[in-house]
Amino acid sequence: MALAFDHEQLITDWGGSIRWDEIVALHVDQYAAGERTLAILAFEHRNGGVIEVNLDDEISDETRRQLADHLPLPTDWQAQVAALPPGVGLTLFRR
């Protein structure tokens, strides 16, 4: 699923959306997938729902840079994700 956003919400290509103020956490997990490592971002909604996206395949470079404009992410969050070994997860923020 591709991910886009505007000033109010995240928007998926299948029509799902989640308002910025309804996101209570952002988690990332690294998975070994053959010769690749996949970083999966999980946007947790306050009702317990989750929108998961593949960081490398479904989020453009520009969108990645702009996520910190809408969520309280560490300034080096992309470097933290890149440094995670497969099988390890990290919570980037929690409200």
C-alpha atoms as a PDB file:
ATOM      1  CA  MET A   1       0.000   0.000   0.000  1.00  0.00           C
ATOM      2  CA  ALA A   2       1.338   3.426  -0.876  1.00  0.00           C
ATOM      3  CA  LEU A   3       1.175   6.165   1.702  1.00  0.00           C
ATOM      4  CA  ALA A   4       0.586   9.874   1.225  1.00  0.00           C
ATOM      5  CA  PHE A   5      -0.567  12.608   3.552  1.00  0.00           C
ATOM      6  CA  ASP A   6      -1.794  16.124   3.881  1.00  0.00           C
ATOM      7  CA  HIS A   7      -1.796  18.560   6.809  1.00  0.00           C
ATOM      8  CA  GLU A   8      -4.650  16.644   8.528  1.00  0.00           C
ATOM      9  CA  GLN A   9      -4.084  12.933   7.916  1.00  0.00           C
ATOM     10  CA  LEU A  10      -2.267   9.951   6.462  1.00  0.00           C
ATOM     11  CA  ILE A  11      -3.947   8.553   3.359  1.00  0.00           C
ATOM     12  CA  THR A  12      -3.492   5.083   1.861  1.00  0.00           C
ATOM     13  CA  ASP A  13      -3.967   4.168  -1.775  1.00  0.00           C
ATOM     14  CA  TRP A  14      -6.830   1.828  -0.787  1.00  0.00           C
ATOM     15  CA  GLY A  15      -8.811   4.708   0.755  1.00  0.00           C
ATOM     16  CA  GLY A  16      -7.890   4.319   4.409  1.00  0.00           C
ATOM     17  CA  SER A  17      -6.924   7.347   6.417  1.00  0.00           C
ATOM     18  CA  ILE A  18      -5.867   8.241   9.928  1.00  0.00           C
ATOM     19  CA  ARG A  19      -5.754  11.753  11.380  1.00  0.00           C
ATOM     20  CA  TRP A  20      -2.417  12.900  12.799  1.00  0.00           C
ATOM     21  CA  ASP A  21      -3.952  13.597  16.212  1.00  0.00           C
ATOM     22  CA  GLU A  22      -5.359  10.032  16.309  1.00  0.00           C
ATOM     23  CA  ILE A  23      -1.948   8.372  15.899  1.00  0.00           C
ATOM     24  CA  VAL A  24      -0.771   7.257  19.330  1.00  0.00           C
ATOM     25  CA  ALA A  25       2.444   5.489  18.333  1.00  0.00           C
ATOM     26  CA  LEU A  26       4.748   4.740  15.441  1.00  0.00           C
ATOM     27  CA  HIS A  27       6.640   1.458  15.495  1.00  0.00           C
ATOM     28  CA  VAL A  28       9.147   0.005  13.045  1.00  0.00           C
ATOM     29  CA  ASP A  29      10.228  -3.604  12.638  1.00  0.00           C
ATOM     30  CA  GLN A  30      13.026  -4.954  10.447  1.00  0.00           C
ATOM     31  CA  TYR A  31      12.435  -8.296   8.707  1.00  0.00           C
ATOM     32  CA  ALA A  32      14.823 -10.445   6.693  1.00  0.00           C
ATOM     33  CA  ALA A  33      13.188 -11.285   3.372  1.00  0.00           C
ATOM     34  CA  GLY A  34      15.580 -13.313   1.274  1.00  0.00           C
ATOM     35  CA  GLU A  35      18.354 -11.004   0.192  1.00  0.00           C
ATOM     36  CA  ARG A  36      16.470  -7.893   1.358  1.00  0.00           C
ATOM     37  CA  THR A  37      15.702  -6.399   4.706  1.00  0.00           C
ATOM     38  CA  LEU A  38      12.259  -4.841   5.004  1.00  0.00           C
ATOM     39  CA  ALA A  39      11.473  -1.989   7.364  1.00  0.00           C
ATOM     40  CA  ILE A  40       7.767  -1.976   8.193  1.00  0.00           C
ATOM     41  CA  LEU A  41       6.289   1.146   9.774  1.00  0.00           C
ATOM     42  CA  ALA A  42       3.165   0.621  11.886  1.00  0.00           C
ATOM     43  CA  PHE A  43       1.050   3.703  12.594  1.00  0.00           C
ATOM     44  CA  GLU A  44      -1.060   2.862  15.652  1.00  0.00           C
ATOM     45  CA  HIS A  45      -4.519   4.468  15.899  1.00  0.00           C
ATOM     46  CA  ARG A  46      -6.002   5.344  19.268  1.00  0.00           C
ATOM     47  CA  ASN A  47      -8.759   2.748  18.729  1.00  0.00           C
ATOM     48  CA  GLY A  48      -6.124  -0.012  18.418  1.00  0.00           C
ATOM     49  CA  GLY A  49      -6.095  -0.225  14.616  1.00  0.00           C
ATOM     50  CA  VAL A  50      -2.816  -0.160  12.736  1.00  0.00           C
ATOM     51  CA  ILE A  51      -1.768   0.954   9.265  1.00  0.00           C
ATOM     52  CA  GLU A  52       1.411  -0.826   8.190  1.00  0.00           C
ATOM     53  CA  VAL A  53       3.572   0.199   5.258  1.00  0.00           C
ATOM     54  CA  ASN A  54       6.895  -0.896   3.827  1.00  0.00           C
ATOM     55  CA  LEU A  55       9.228   2.046   4.374  1.00  0.00           C
ATOM     56  CA  ASP A  56      11.336   1.427   1.261  1.00  0.00           C
ATOM     57  CA  ASP A  57       8.648   0.472  -1.247  1.00  0.00           C
ATOM     58  CA  GLU A  58       5.624   2.468  -0.178  1.00  0.00           C
ATOM     59  CA  ILE A  59       6.885   5.787   1.175  1.00  0.00           C
ATOM     60  CA  SER A  60       8.681   8.248  -1.059  1.00  0.00           C
ATOM     61  CA  ASP A  61      11.856   9.983   0.106  1.00  0.00           C
ATOM     62  CA  GLU A  62       9.996  13.290   0.295  1.00  0.00           C
ATOM     63  CA  THR A  63       7.222  11.761   2.417  1.00  0.00           C
ATOM     64  CA  ARG A  64       9.811  10.272   4.782  1.00  0.00           C
ATOM     65  CA  ARG A  65      11.430  13.658   5.275  1.00  0.00           C
ATOM     66  CA  GLN A  66       8.060  15.278   5.948  1.00  0.00           C
ATOM     67  CA  LEU A  67       6.821  12.746   8.521  1.00  0.00           C
ATOM     68  CA  ALA A  68       8.702  14.573  11.273  1.00  0.00           C
ATOM     69  CA  ASP A  69       6.693  17.703  10.429  1.00  0.00           C
ATOM     70  CA  HIS A  70       3.544  15.890  11.600  1.00  0.00           C
ATOM     71  CA  LEU A  71       4.772  13.449  14.240  1.00  0.00           C
ATOM     72  CA  PRO A  72       7.220  13.972  17.119  1.00  0.00           C
ATOM     73  CA  LEU A  73       9.955  11.757  15.669  1.00  0.00           C
ATOM     74  CA  PRO A  74      13.612  11.832  16.701  1.00  0.00           C
ATOM     75  CA  THR A  75      15.677  13.916  14.282  1.00  0.00           C
ATOM     76  CA  ASP A  76      17.747  10.847  13.397  1.00  0.00           C
ATOM     77  CA  TRP A  77      14.831   8.435  13.071  1.00  0.00           C
ATOM     78  CA  GLN A  78      15.810   7.273   9.572  1.00  0.00           C
ATOM     79  CA  ALA A  79      19.356   6.473  10.734  1.00  0.00           C
ATOM     80  CA  GLN A  80      17.929   4.573  13.719  1.00  0.00           C
ATOM     81  CA  VAL A  81      15.759   2.497  11.392  1.00  0.00           C
ATOM     82  CA  ALA A  82      18.652   1.819   9.009  1.00  0.00           C
ATOM     83  CA  ALA A  83      20.785   0.597  11.933  1.00  0.00           C
ATOM     84  CA  LEU A  84      18.221  -1.951  13.155  1.00  0.00           C
ATOM     85  CA  PRO A  85      19.197  -5.571  12.501  1.00  0.00           C
ATOM     86  CA  PRO A  86      16.547  -7.989  11.159  1.00  0.00           C
ATOM     87  CA  GLY A  87      14.225  -9.260  13.849  1.00  0.00           C
ATOM     88  CA  VAL A  88      14.461  -6.092  15.918  1.00  0.00           C
ATOM     89  CA  GLY A  89      11.786  -3.467  16.410  1.00  0.00           C
ATOM     90  CA  LEU A  90      11.735   0.069  17.710  1.00  0.00           C
ATOM     91  CA  THR A  91       9.044   2.473  18.869  1.00  0.00           C
ATOM     92  CA  LEU A  92       9.800   5.834  17.306  1.00  0.00           C
ATOM     93  CA  PHE A  93       7.218   7.676  19.401  1.00  0.00           C
ATOM     94  CA  ARG A  94       4.300   7.055  21.727  1.00  0.00           C
ATOM     95  CA  ARG A  95       1.724   9.534  23.064  1.00  0.00           C
END
